[in-house]
């Protein structure tokens, strides 16, 4: 499968790979752990707590611990990272490819 972050927050990756609150076949939200039948109620609870943590430093530490645990225990292996390049002529200005694929902006592009 292919994955990319949806927004700038560690929860975007954590929710996709480290939350499975309902491992039943008729679960409302089928995250990757649910599709892999990886039942993780304790990790899910800590992940949900990290999402609500108001202290930025504590929240970052919680997500880092979750990421390290997921790397050791999850059924997922990350093999490759997709990198997309954009090339323009020197006369083209104002192309904004943004940090994520869905944030490309073409308004304002000029060619001198």
PDB file of N, CA and C in Angstrom:
ATOM      1  N   UNK A   1       0.832  -1.172   0.000  1.00  0.00           N
ATOM      2  CA  UNK A   1       0.000   0.000   0.000  1.00  0.00           C
ATOM      3  C   UNK A   1       0.877   1.235   0.000  1.00  0.00           C
ATOM      4  N   UNK A   2       0.322   2.326  -0.384  1.00  0.00           N
ATOM      5  CA  UNK A   2       1.047   3.591  -0.402  1.00  0.00           C
ATOM      6  C   UNK A   2       0.437   4.504   0.648  1.00  0.00           C
ATOM      7  N   UNK A   3       1.281   5.285   1.324  1.00  0.00           N
ATOM      8  CA  UNK A   3       0.795   6.164   2.373  1.00  0.00           C
ATOM      9  C   UNK A   3       1.486   7.506   2.292  1.00  0.00           C
ATOM     10  N   UNK A   4       0.767   8.543   2.600  1.00  0.00           N
ATOM     11  CA  UNK A   4       1.325   9.875   2.718  1.00  0.00           C
ATOM     12  C   UNK A   4       0.562  10.639   3.775  1.00  0.00           C
ATOM     13  N   UNK A   5       1.234  11.520   4.472  1.00  0.00           N
ATOM     14  CA  UNK A   5       0.593  12.306   5.519  1.00  0.00           C
ATOM     15  C   UNK A   5      -0.510  13.184   4.945  1.00  0.00           C
ATOM     16  N   UNK A   6      -1.571  13.337   5.718  1.00  0.00           N
ATOM     17  CA  UNK A   6      -2.696  14.171   5.297  1.00  0.00           C
ATOM     18  C   UNK A   6      -2.571  15.606   5.803  1.00  0.00           C
ATOM     19  N   UNK A   7      -1.930  15.775   6.957  1.00  0.00           N
ATOM     20  CA  UNK A   7      -1.811  17.089   7.567  1.00  0.00           C
ATOM     21  C   UNK A   7      -0.593  17.095   8.478  1.00  0.00           C
ATOM     22  N   UNK A   8      -0.156  18.287   8.906  1.00  0.00           N
ATOM     23  CA  UNK A   8       1.062  18.433   9.694  1.00  0.00           C
ATOM     24  C   UNK A   8       0.804  18.163  11.168  1.00  0.00           C
ATOM     25  N   UNK A   9       0.800  16.926  11.533  1.00  0.00           N
ATOM     26  CA  UNK A   9       0.647  16.534  12.925  1.00  0.00           C
ATOM     27  C   UNK A   9       1.016  15.055  13.000  1.00  0.00           C
ATOM     28  N   UNK A  10       1.687  14.639  14.056  1.00  0.00           N
ATOM     29  CA  UNK A  10       2.051  13.225  14.144  1.00  0.00           C
ATOM     30  C   UNK A  10       0.845  12.298  14.186  1.00  0.00           C
ATOM     31  N   UNK A  11      -0.322  12.828  14.547  1.00  0.00           N
ATOM     32  CA  UNK A  11      -1.510  11.988  14.596  1.00  0.00           C
ATOM     33  C   UNK A  11      -1.887  11.428  13.229  1.00  0.00           C
ATOM     34  N   UNK A  12      -1.562  12.123  12.159  1.00  0.00           N
ATOM     35  CA  UNK A  12      -1.931  11.625  10.833  1.00  0.00           C
ATOM     36  C   UNK A  12      -1.312  10.253  10.562  1.00  0.00           C
ATOM     37  N   UNK A  13      -0.077  10.045  10.976  1.00  0.00           N
ATOM     38  CA  UNK A  13       0.565   8.739  10.809  1.00  0.00           C
ATOM     39  C   UNK A  13       0.180   7.783  11.926  1.00  0.00           C
ATOM     40  N   UNK A  14       0.124   8.295  13.138  1.00  0.00           N
ATOM     41  CA  UNK A  14      -0.202   7.439  14.277  1.00  0.00           C
ATOM     42  C   UNK A  14      -1.601   6.843  14.138  1.00  0.00           C
ATOM     43  N   UNK A  15      -2.555   7.650  13.706  1.00  0.00           N
ATOM     44  CA  UNK A  15      -3.914   7.139  13.550  1.00  0.00           C
ATOM     45  C   UNK A  15      -3.990   6.070  12.460  1.00  0.00           C
ATOM     46  N   UNK A  16      -3.222   6.246  11.427  1.00  0.00           N
ATOM     47  CA  UNK A  16      -3.258   5.284  10.325  1.00  0.00           C
ATOM     48  C   UNK A  16      -2.595   3.954  10.678  1.00  0.00           C
ATOM     49  N   UNK A  17      -1.576   3.992  11.532  1.00  0.00           N
ATOM     50  CA  UNK A  17      -0.793   2.781  11.773  1.00  0.00           C
ATOM     51  C   UNK A  17      -0.791   2.284  13.211  1.00  0.00           C
ATOM     52  N   UNK A  18      -1.339   3.058  14.151  1.00  0.00           N
ATOM     53  CA  UNK A  18      -1.258   2.651  15.554  1.00  0.00           C
ATOM     54  C   UNK A  18      -2.572   2.804  16.318  1.00  0.00           C
ATOM     55  N   UNK A  19      -3.690   2.795  15.627  1.00  0.00           N
ATOM     56  CA  UNK A  19      -4.987   2.802  16.308  1.00  0.00           C
ATOM     57  C   UNK A  19      -5.869   1.709  15.711  1.00  0.00           C
ATOM     58  N   UNK A  20      -6.365   0.878  16.596  1.00  0.00           N
ATOM     59  CA  UNK A  20      -7.359  -0.123  16.214  1.00  0.00           C
ATOM     60  C   UNK A  20      -8.232  -0.337  17.442  1.00  0.00           C
ATOM     61  N   UNK A  21      -9.266   0.461  17.570  1.00  0.00           N
ATOM     62  CA  UNK A  21     -10.132   0.387  18.749  1.00  0.00           C
ATOM     63  C   UNK A  21     -11.245  -0.641  18.601  1.00  0.00           C
ATOM     64  N   UNK A  22     -11.457  -1.112  17.389  1.00  0.00           N
ATOM     65  CA  UNK A  22     -12.503  -2.115  17.151  1.00  0.00           C
ATOM     66  C   UNK A  22     -11.984  -3.100  16.110  1.00  0.00           C
ATOM     67  N   UNK A  23     -11.606  -4.279  16.556  1.00  0.00           N
ATOM     68  CA  UNK A  23     -11.012  -5.269  15.654  1.00  0.00           C
ATOM     69  C   UNK A  23     -12.059  -6.195  15.030  1.00  0.00           C
ATOM     70  N   UNK A  24     -13.339  -5.857  15.175  1.00  0.00           N
ATOM     71  CA  UNK A  24     -14.379  -6.714  14.612  1.00  0.00           C
ATOM     72  C   UNK A  24     -14.478  -6.526  13.100  1.00  0.00           C
ATOM     73  N   UNK A  25     -15.103  -7.485  12.457  1.00  0.00           N
ATOM     74  CA  UNK A  25     -15.252  -7.429  10.996  1.00  0.00           C
ATOM     75  C   UNK A  25     -16.136  -6.270  10.542  1.00  0.00           C
ATOM     76  N   UNK A  26     -17.040  -5.825  11.408  1.00  0.00           N
ATOM     77  CA  UNK A  26     -17.945  -4.738  11.015  1.00  0.00           C
ATOM     78  C   UNK A  26     -17.556  -3.408  11.673  1.00  0.00           C
ATOM     79  N   UNK A  27     -16.279  -3.230  11.947  1.00  0.00           N
ATOM     80  CA  UNK A  27     -15.794  -1.984  12.554  1.00  0.00           C
ATOM     81  C   UNK A  27     -16.111  -0.798  11.663  1.00  0.00           C
ATOM     82  N   UNK A  28     -16.447   0.317  12.293  1.00  0.00           N
ATOM     83  CA  UNK A  28     -16.793   1.532  11.541  1.00  0.00           C
ATOM     84  C   UNK A  28     -15.561   2.144  10.886  1.00  0.00           C
ATOM     85  N   UNK A  29     -14.440   2.159  11.602  1.00  0.00           N
ATOM     86  CA  UNK A  29     -13.206   2.755  11.087  1.00  0.00           C
ATOM     87  C   UNK A  29     -12.163   1.655  10.906  1.00  0.00           C
ATOM     88  N   UNK A  30     -11.876   1.305   9.674  1.00  0.00           N
ATOM     89  CA  UNK A  30     -10.907   0.230   9.397  1.00  0.00           C
ATOM     90  C   UNK A  30      -9.543   0.836   9.081  1.00  0.00           C
ATOM     91  N   UNK A  31      -8.759   1.073  10.120  1.00  0.00           N
ATOM     92  CA  UNK A  31      -7.404   1.566   9.934  1.00  0.00           C
ATOM     93  C   UNK A  31      -6.517   0.410   9.470  1.00  0.00           C
ATOM     94  N   UNK A  32      -5.281   0.713   9.149  1.00  0.00           N
ATOM     95  CA  UNK A  32      -4.348  -0.334   8.706  1.00  0.00           C
ATOM     96  C   UNK A  32      -4.208  -1.451   9.728  1.00  0.00           C
ATOM     97  N   UNK A  33      -4.081  -1.154  11.033  1.00  0.00           N
ATOM     98  CA  UNK A  33      -4.008  -2.251  12.001  1.00  0.00           C
ATOM     99  C   UNK A  33      -5.260  -3.132  11.982  1.00  0.00           C
ATOM    100  N   UNK A  34      -6.414  -2.540  11.790  1.00  0.00           N
ATOM    101  CA  UNK A  34      -7.641  -3.330  11.714  1.00  0.00           C
ATOM    102  C   UNK A  34      -7.658  -4.231  10.502  1.00  0.00           C
ATOM    103  N   UNK A  35      -7.198  -3.722   9.372  1.00  0.00           N
ATOM    104  CA  UNK A  35      -7.146  -4.549   8.157  1.00  0.00           C
ATOM    105  C   UNK A  35      -6.118  -5.664   8.287  1.00  0.00           C
ATOM    106  N   UNK A  36      -5.099  -5.438   9.154  1.00  0.00           N
ATOM    107  CA  UNK A  36      -4.081  -6.470   9.385  1.00  0.00           C
ATOM    108  C   UNK A  36      -4.457  -7.369  10.565  1.00  0.00           C
ATOM    109  N   UNK A  37      -5.636  -7.139  11.152  1.00  0.00           N
ATOM    110  CA  UNK A  37      -6.110  -7.897  12.307  1.00  0.00           C
ATOM    111  C   UNK A  37      -5.144  -7.797  13.487  1.00  0.00           C
ATOM    112  N   UNK A  38      -4.562  -6.614  13.661  1.00  0.00           N
ATOM    113  CA  UNK A  38      -3.636  -6.349  14.762  1.00  0.00           C
ATOM    114  C   UNK A  38      -4.415  -5.650  15.861  1.00  0.00           C
ATOM    115  N   UNK A  39      -4.774  -6.385  16.873  1.00  0.00           N
ATOM    116  CA  UNK A  39      -5.562  -5.863  17.990  1.00  0.00           C
ATOM    117  C   UNK A  39      -4.628  -5.192  18.984  1.00  0.00           C
ATOM    118  N   UNK A  40      -4.786  -3.869  19.166  1.00  0.00           N
ATOM    119  CA  UNK A  40      -3.854  -3.107  20.003  1.00  0.00           C
ATOM    120  C   UNK A  40      -4.606  -2.121  20.909  1.00  0.00           C
ATOM    121  N   UNK A  41      -5.408  -2.625  21.839  1.00  0.00           N
ATOM    122  CA  UNK A  41      -6.184  -1.701  22.671  1.00  0.00           C
ATOM    123  C   UNK A  41      -5.319  -0.777  23.527  1.00  0.00           C
ATOM    124  N   UNK A  42      -4.206  -1.256  24.070  1.00  0.00           N
ATOM    125  CA  UNK A  42      -3.364  -0.415  24.921  1.00  0.00           C
ATOM    126  C   UNK A  42      -2.666   0.673  24.102  1.00  0.00           C
ATOM    127  N   UNK A  43      -2.116   0.288  22.963  1.00  0.00           N
ATOM    128  CA  UNK A  43      -1.449   1.270  22.093  1.00  0.00           C
ATOM    129  C   UNK A  43      -2.469   2.285  21.584  1.00  0.00           C
ATOM    130  N   UNK A  44      -3.648   1.815  21.226  1.00  0.00           N
ATOM    131  CA  UNK A  44      -4.705   2.716  20.752  1.00  0.00           C
ATOM    132  C   UNK A  44      -5.069   3.731  21.822  1.00  0.00           C
ATOM    133  N   UNK A  45      -5.201   3.295  23.070  1.00  0.00           N
ATOM    134  CA  UNK A  45      -5.555   4.197  24.164  1.00  0.00           C
ATOM    135  C   UNK A  45      -4.464   5.248  24.376  1.00  0.00           C
ATOM    136  N   UNK A  46      -3.202   4.830  24.321  1.00  0.00           N
ATOM    137  CA  UNK A  46      -2.103   5.792  24.479  1.00  0.00           C
ATOM    138  C   UNK A  46      -2.053   6.763  23.301  1.00  0.00           C
ATOM    139  N   UNK A  47      -2.382   6.266  22.126  1.00  0.00           N
ATOM    140  CA  UNK A  47      -2.412   7.113  20.936  1.00  0.00           C
ATOM    141  C   UNK A  47      -3.509   8.165  21.052  1.00  0.00           C
ATOM    142  N   UNK A  48      -4.678   7.768  21.497  1.00  0.00           N
ATOM    143  CA  UNK A  48      -5.776   8.714  21.668  1.00  0.00           C
ATOM    144  C   UNK A  48      -5.441   9.738  22.753  1.00  0.00           C
ATOM    145  N   UNK A  49      -4.732   9.315  23.796  1.00  0.00           N
ATOM    146  CA  UNK A  49      -4.304  10.247  24.845  1.00  0.00           C
ATOM    147  C   UNK A  49      -3.291  11.251  24.295  1.00  0.00           C
ATOM    148  N   UNK A  50      -2.381  10.792  23.448  1.00  0.00           N
ATOM    149  CA  UNK A  50      -1.387  11.698  22.844  1.00  0.00           C
ATOM    150  C   UNK A  50      -2.074  12.744  21.979  1.00  0.00           C
ATOM    151  N   UNK A  51      -3.095  12.346  21.273  1.00  0.00           N
ATOM    152  CA  UNK A  51      -3.817  13.280  20.407  1.00  0.00           C
ATOM    153  C   UNK A  51      -4.435  14.418  21.218  1.00  0.00           C
ATOM    154  N   UNK A  52      -4.840  14.134  22.443  1.00  0.00           N
ATOM    155  CA  UNK A  52      -5.505  15.141  23.283  1.00  0.00           C
ATOM    156  C   UNK A  52      -4.552  15.895  24.204  1.00  0.00           C
ATOM    157  N   UNK A  53      -3.279  15.502  24.258  1.00  0.00           N
ATOM    158  CA  UNK A  53      -2.325  16.117  25.184  1.00  0.00           C
ATOM    159  C   UNK A  53      -2.059  17.571  24.802  1.00  0.00           C
ATOM    160  N   UNK A  54      -2.316  18.532  25.706  1.00  0.00           N
ATOM    161  CA  UNK A  54      -2.121  19.947  25.382  1.00  0.00           C
ATOM    162  C   UNK A  54      -0.669  20.425  25.465  1.00  0.00           C
ATOM    163  N   UNK A  55       0.166  19.762  26.247  1.00  0.00           N
ATOM    164  CA  UNK A  55       1.559  20.172  26.391  1.00  0.00           C
ATOM    165  C   UNK A  55       2.365  19.652  25.194  1.00  0.00           C
ATOM    166  N   UNK A  56       2.919  20.562  24.403  1.00  0.00           N
ATOM    167  CA  UNK A  56       3.587  20.185  23.139  1.00  0.00           C
ATOM    168  C   UNK A  56       4.767  19.249  23.362  1.00  0.00           C
ATOM    169  N   UNK A  57       5.596  19.516  24.354  1.00  0.00           N
ATOM    170  CA  UNK A  57       6.767  18.673  24.592  1.00  0.00           C
ATOM    171  C   UNK A  57       6.349  17.274  25.049  1.00  0.00           C
ATOM    172  N   UNK A  58       5.385  17.208  25.939  1.00  0.00           N
ATOM    173  CA  UNK A  58       4.906  15.906  26.415  1.00  0.00           C
ATOM    174  C   UNK A  58       4.247  15.133  25.271  1.00  0.00           C
ATOM    175  N   UNK A  59       3.474  15.852  24.456  1.00  0.00           N
ATOM    176  CA  UNK A  59       2.799  15.222  23.314  1.00  0.00           C
ATOM    177  C   UNK A  59       3.816  14.645  22.336  1.00  0.00           C
ATOM    178  N   UNK A  60       4.860  15.407  22.044  1.00  0.00           N
ATOM    179  CA  UNK A  60       5.903  14.924  21.131  1.00  0.00           C
ATOM    180  C   UNK A  60       6.573  13.675  21.699  1.00  0.00           C
ATOM    181  N   UNK A  61       6.848  13.678  22.999  1.00  0.00           N
ATOM    182  CA  UNK A  61       7.474  12.503  23.623  1.00  0.00           C
ATOM    183  C   UNK A  61       6.549  11.295  23.563  1.00  0.00           C
ATOM    184  N   UNK A  62       5.263  11.517  23.746  1.00  0.00           N
ATOM    185  CA  UNK A  62       4.303  10.410  23.671  1.00  0.00           C
ATOM    186  C   UNK A  62       4.277   9.809  22.271  1.00  0.00           C
ATOM    187  N   UNK A  63       4.248  10.673  21.255  1.00  0.00           N
ATOM    188  CA  UNK A  63       4.230  10.167  19.880  1.00  0.00           C
ATOM    189  C   UNK A  63       5.544   9.476  19.518  1.00  0.00           C
ATOM    190  N   UNK A  64       6.643  10.002  20.013  1.00  0.00           N
ATOM    191  CA  UNK A  64       7.930   9.350  19.743  1.00  0.00           C
ATOM    192  C   UNK A  64       7.960   7.954  20.348  1.00  0.00           C
ATOM    193  N   UNK A  65       7.488   7.810  21.570  1.00  0.00           N
ATOM    194  CA  UNK A  65       7.441   6.488  22.206  1.00  0.00           C
ATOM    195  C   UNK A  65       6.529   5.543  21.432  1.00  0.00           C
ATOM    196  N   UNK A  66       5.387   6.049  20.978  1.00  0.00           N
ATOM    197  CA  UNK A  66       4.475   5.231  20.189  1.00  0.00           C
ATOM    198  C   UNK A  66       5.121   4.796  18.878  1.00  0.00           C
ATOM    199  N   UNK A  67       5.826   5.716  18.225  1.00  0.00           N
ATOM    200  CA  UNK A  67       6.477   5.380  16.961  1.00  0.00           C
ATOM    201  C   UNK A  67       7.528   4.292  17.170  1.00  0.00           C
ATOM    202  N   UNK A  68       8.335   4.433  18.221  1.00  0.00           N
ATOM    203  CA  UNK A  68       9.373   3.433  18.488  1.00  0.00           C
ATOM    204  C   UNK A  68       8.761   2.066  18.787  1.00  0.00           C
ATOM    205  N   UNK A  69       7.678   2.060  19.556  1.00  0.00           N
ATOM    206  CA  UNK A  69       7.008   0.788  19.850  1.00  0.00           C
ATOM    207  C   UNK A  69       6.418   0.181  18.585  1.00  0.00           C
ATOM    208  N   UNK A  70       5.803   1.036  17.765  1.00  0.00           N
ATOM    209  CA  UNK A  70       5.237   0.540  16.512  1.00  0.00           C
ATOM    210  C   UNK A  70       6.294  -0.047  15.588  1.00  0.00           C
ATOM    211  N   UNK A  71       7.455   0.566  15.553  1.00  0.00           N
ATOM    212  CA  UNK A  71       8.540   0.040  14.715  1.00  0.00           C
ATOM    213  C   UNK A  71       8.958  -1.361  15.166  1.00  0.00           C
ATOM    214  N   UNK A  72       8.863  -1.624  16.452  1.00  0.00           N
ATOM    215  CA  UNK A  72       9.292  -2.919  16.990  1.00  0.00           C
ATOM    216  C   UNK A  72       8.198  -3.986  16.965  1.00  0.00           C
ATOM    217  N   UNK A  73       6.935  -3.572  17.081  1.00  0.00           N
ATOM    218  CA  UNK A  73       5.875  -4.564  17.289  1.00  0.00           C
ATOM    219  C   UNK A  73       4.837  -4.652  16.181  1.00  0.00           C
ATOM    220  N   UNK A  74       4.765  -3.665  15.313  1.00  0.00           N
ATOM    221  CA  UNK A  74       3.682  -3.661  14.325  1.00  0.00           C
ATOM    222  C   UNK A  74       3.942  -4.666  13.207  1.00  0.00           C
ATOM    223  N   UNK A  75       2.897  -5.037  12.488  1.00  0.00           N
ATOM    224  CA  UNK A  75       3.055  -5.935  11.347  1.00  0.00           C
ATOM    225  C   UNK A  75       3.483  -5.217  10.071  1.00  0.00           C
ATOM    226  N   UNK A  76       3.804  -3.925  10.171  1.00  0.00           N
ATOM    227  CA  UNK A  76       4.123  -3.130   8.990  1.00  0.00           C
ATOM    228  C   UNK A  76       5.621  -2.939   8.846  1.00  0.00           C
ATOM    229  N   UNK A  77       6.085  -2.983   7.610  1.00  0.00           N
ATOM    230  CA  UNK A  77       7.487  -2.711   7.287  1.00  0.00           C
ATOM    231  C   UNK A  77       7.484  -1.611   6.233  1.00  0.00           C
ATOM    232  N   UNK A  78       8.109  -0.493   6.561  1.00  0.00           N
ATOM    233  CA  UNK A  78       8.197   0.613   5.605  1.00  0.00           C
ATOM    234  C   UNK A  78       9.445   0.389   4.758  1.00  0.00           C
ATOM    235  N   UNK A  79       9.248   0.224   3.467  1.00  0.00           N
ATOM    236  CA  UNK A  79      10.365  -0.085   2.586  1.00  0.00           C
ATOM    237  C   UNK A  79      10.901   1.118   1.828  1.00  0.00           C
ATOM    238  N   UNK A  80      10.020   1.937   1.318  1.00  0.00           N
ATOM    239  CA  UNK A  80      10.438   3.027   0.456  1.00  0.00           C
ATOM    240  C   UNK A  80       9.700   4.305   0.825  1.00  0.00           C
ATOM    241  N   UNK A  81      10.312   5.425   0.560  1.00  0.00           N
ATOM    242  CA  UNK A  81       9.657   6.712   0.735  1.00  0.00           C
ATOM    243  C   UNK A  81       9.562   7.368  -0.633  1.00  0.00           C
ATOM    244  N   UNK A  82       8.349   7.713  -1.019  1.00  0.00           N
ATOM    245  CA  UNK A  82       8.115   8.353  -2.304  1.00  0.00           C
ATOM    246  C   UNK A  82       8.607   9.798  -2.269  1.00  0.00           C
ATOM    247  N   UNK A  83       9.379  10.151  -3.235  1.00  0.00           N
ATOM    248  CA  UNK A  83       9.840  11.526  -3.376  1.00  0.00           C
ATOM    249  C   UNK A  83       9.415  11.999  -4.759  1.00  0.00           C
ATOM    250  N   UNK A  84       8.697  13.105  -4.783  1.00  0.00           N
ATOM    251  CA  UNK A  84       8.244  13.653  -6.055  1.00  0.00           C
ATOM    252  C   UNK A  84       9.018  14.933  -6.337  1.00  0.00           C
ATOM    253  N   UNK A  85       9.549  15.032  -7.521  1.00  0.00           N
ATOM    254  CA  UNK A  85      10.322  16.207  -7.921  1.00  0.00           C
ATOM    255  C   UNK A  85       9.527  17.045  -8.911  1.00  0.00           C
ATOM    256  N   UNK A  86       9.722  18.330  -8.828  1.00  0.00           N
ATOM    257  CA  UNK A  86       9.119  19.250  -9.789  1.00  0.00           C
ATOM    258  C   UNK A  86      10.239  20.069 -10.412  1.00  0.00           C
ATOM    259  N   UNK A  87      10.230  20.126 -11.717  1.00  0.00           N
ATOM    260  CA  UNK A  87      11.270  20.865 -12.426  1.00  0.00           C
ATOM    261  C   UNK A  87      10.578  21.890 -13.314  1.00  0.00           C
ATOM    262  N   UNK A  88      11.077  23.106 -13.268  1.00  0.00           N
ATOM    263  CA  UNK A  88      10.541  24.149 -14.138  1.00  0.00           C
ATOM    264  C   UNK A  88      11.701  24.884 -14.797  1.00  0.00           C
ATOM    265  N   UNK A  89      11.389  25.575 -15.833  1.00  0.00           N
ATOM    266  CA  UNK A  89      12.355  26.432 -16.516  1.00  0.00           C
ATOM    267  C   UNK A  89      12.615  27.641 -15.623  1.00  0.00           C
ATOM    268  N   UNK A  90      13.783  28.221 -15.719  1.00  0.00           N
ATOM    269  CA  UNK A  90      14.151  29.378 -14.894  1.00  0.00           C
ATOM    270  C   UNK A  90      13.190  30.550 -15.089  1.00  0.00           C
ATOM    271  N   UNK A  91      12.528  30.617 -16.240  1.00  0.00           N
ATOM    272  CA  UNK A  91      11.608  31.730 -16.503  1.00  0.00           C
ATOM    273  C   UNK A  91      10.248  31.543 -15.831  1.00  0.00           C
ATOM    274  N   UNK A  92       9.994  30.358 -15.292  1.00  0.00           N
ATOM    275  CA  UNK A  92       8.720  30.091 -14.629  1.00  0.00           C
ATOM    276  C   UNK A  92       8.858  30.416 -13.151  1.00  0.00           C
ATOM    277  N   UNK A  93       7.942  31.225 -12.638  1.00  0.00           N
ATOM    278  CA  UNK A  93       7.985  31.599 -11.224  1.00  0.00           C
ATOM    279  C   UNK A  93       6.643  31.332 -10.559  1.00  0.00           C
ATOM    280  N   UNK A  94       6.682  31.250  -9.248  1.00  0.00           N
ATOM    281  CA  UNK A  94       5.500  31.127  -8.389  1.00  0.00           C
ATOM    282  C   UNK A  94       4.825  29.759  -8.432  1.00  0.00           C
ATOM    283  N   UNK A  95       5.507  28.722  -8.888  1.00  0.00           N
ATOM    284  CA  UNK A  95       4.956  27.373  -8.765  1.00  0.00           C
ATOM    285  C   UNK A  95       5.191  26.938  -7.332  1.00  0.00           C
ATOM    286  N   UNK A  96       4.131  26.603  -6.638  1.00  0.00           N
ATOM    287  CA  UNK A  96       4.226  26.194  -5.238  1.00  0.00           C
ATOM    288  C   UNK A  96       3.775  24.741  -5.146  1.00  0.00           C
ATOM    289  N   UNK A  97       4.733  23.823  -5.028  1.00  0.00           N
ATOM    290  CA  UNK A  97       4.385  22.405  -4.944  1.00  0.00           C
ATOM    291  C   UNK A  97       4.068  21.998  -3.518  1.00  0.00           C
ATOM    292  N   UNK A  98       4.381  22.830  -2.552  1.00  0.00           N
ATOM    293  CA  UNK A  98       4.029  22.540  -1.177  1.00  0.00           C
ATOM    294  C   UNK A  98       4.693  21.289  -0.649  1.00  0.00           C
ATOM    295  N   UNK A  99       4.515  21.019   0.619  1.00  0.00           N
ATOM    296  CA  UNK A  99       5.155  19.857   1.225  1.00  0.00           C
ATOM    297  C   UNK A  99       4.403  18.550   1.006  1.00  0.00           C
ATOM    298  N   UNK A 100       3.140  18.620   0.560  1.00  0.00           N
ATOM    299  CA  UNK A 100       2.346  17.416   0.321  1.00  0.00           C
ATOM    300  C   UNK A 100       1.677  17.529  -1.038  1.00  0.00           C
ATOM    301  N   UNK A 101       1.436  16.406  -1.672  1.00  0.00           N
ATOM    302  CA  UNK A 101       0.910  16.389  -3.029  1.00  0.00           C
ATOM    303  C   UNK A 101      -0.407  17.100  -3.222  1.00  0.00           C
ATOM    304  N   UNK A 102      -1.239  17.166  -2.199  1.00  0.00           N
ATOM    305  CA  UNK A 102      -2.533  17.810  -2.378  1.00  0.00           C
ATOM    306  C   UNK A 102      -2.486  19.310  -2.125  1.00  0.00           C
ATOM    307  N   UNK A 103      -1.301  19.858  -1.951  1.00  0.00           N
ATOM    308  CA  UNK A 103      -1.180  21.283  -1.669  1.00  0.00           C
ATOM    309  C   UNK A 103      -0.537  22.040  -2.832  1.00  0.00           C
ATOM    310  N   UNK A 104      -0.468  21.466  -3.988  1.00  0.00           N
ATOM    311  CA  UNK A 104       0.089  22.178  -5.142  1.00  0.00           C
ATOM    312  C   UNK A 104      -0.769  23.379  -5.464  1.00  0.00           C
ATOM    313  N   UNK A 105      -0.112  24.500  -5.770  1.00  0.00           N
ATOM    314  CA  UNK A 105      -0.839  25.692  -6.155  1.00  0.00           C
ATOM    315  C   UNK A 105      -0.328  26.164  -7.506  1.00  0.00           C
ATOM    316  N   UNK A 106      -1.256  26.330  -8.410  1.00  0.00           N
ATOM    317  CA  UNK A 106      -0.897  26.762  -9.751  1.00  0.00           C
ATOM    318  C   UNK A 106      -1.290  28.207  -9.988  1.00  0.00           C
ATOM    319  N   UNK A 107      -2.110  28.779  -9.115  1.00  0.00           N
ATOM    320  CA  UNK A 107      -2.508  30.181  -9.257  1.00  0.00           C
ATOM    321  C   UNK A 107      -1.274  31.071  -9.091  1.00  0.00           C
ATOM    322  N   UNK A 108      -1.137  32.019  -9.949  1.00  0.00           N
ATOM    323  CA  UNK A 108      -0.026  32.959  -9.847  1.00  0.00           C
ATOM    324  C   UNK A 108       1.217  32.568 -10.613  1.00  0.00           C
ATOM    325  N   UNK A 109       1.200  31.404 -11.256  1.00  0.00           N
ATOM    326  CA  UNK A 109       2.385  30.995 -12.022  1.00  0.00           C
ATOM    327  C   UNK A 109       2.560  31.948 -13.200  1.00  0.00           C
ATOM    328  N   UNK A 110       3.786  32.376 -13.401  1.00  0.00           N
ATOM    329  CA  UNK A 110       4.081  33.263 -14.527  1.00  0.00           C
ATOM    330  C   UNK A 110       5.305  32.747 -15.264  1.00  0.00           C
ATOM    331  N   UNK A 111       5.386  33.129 -16.523  1.00  0.00           N
ATOM    332  CA  UNK A 111       6.549  32.795 -17.338  1.00  0.00           C
ATOM    333  C   UNK A 111       7.002  34.090 -17.999  1.00  0.00           C
ATOM    334  N   UNK A 112       8.226  34.434 -17.728  1.00  0.00           N
ATOM    335  CA  UNK A 112       8.738  35.685 -18.264  1.00  0.00           C
ATOM    336  C   UNK A 112       9.428  35.486 -19.597  1.00  0.00           C
TER     337      UNK A 112
END
